[in-house]
């Protein structure tokens, strides 16, 4: 992603969400987006073996039965 891509993405996203951003704020958000994309690419490019990804220890929380966070047995 180039700097111009990030700026265009931030502007379009802000407009779609109705967020009024001035140019300085757009540039700041684009910098953070580019930084996050770079960090994600480092993680994506790191070779991990099965023992590094312990998916079997993940257990999702119980789904709220009433839809408001109170789990009913």
Foldseek 3Di string as FASTA:
>chain_A
DDLVVLLVVLVVVCVVVVHDDDPVRSSVVSVVVVVVVVVVVVVVPDDDDPVVDPPVVDDDDDQAPVNPPHRDD
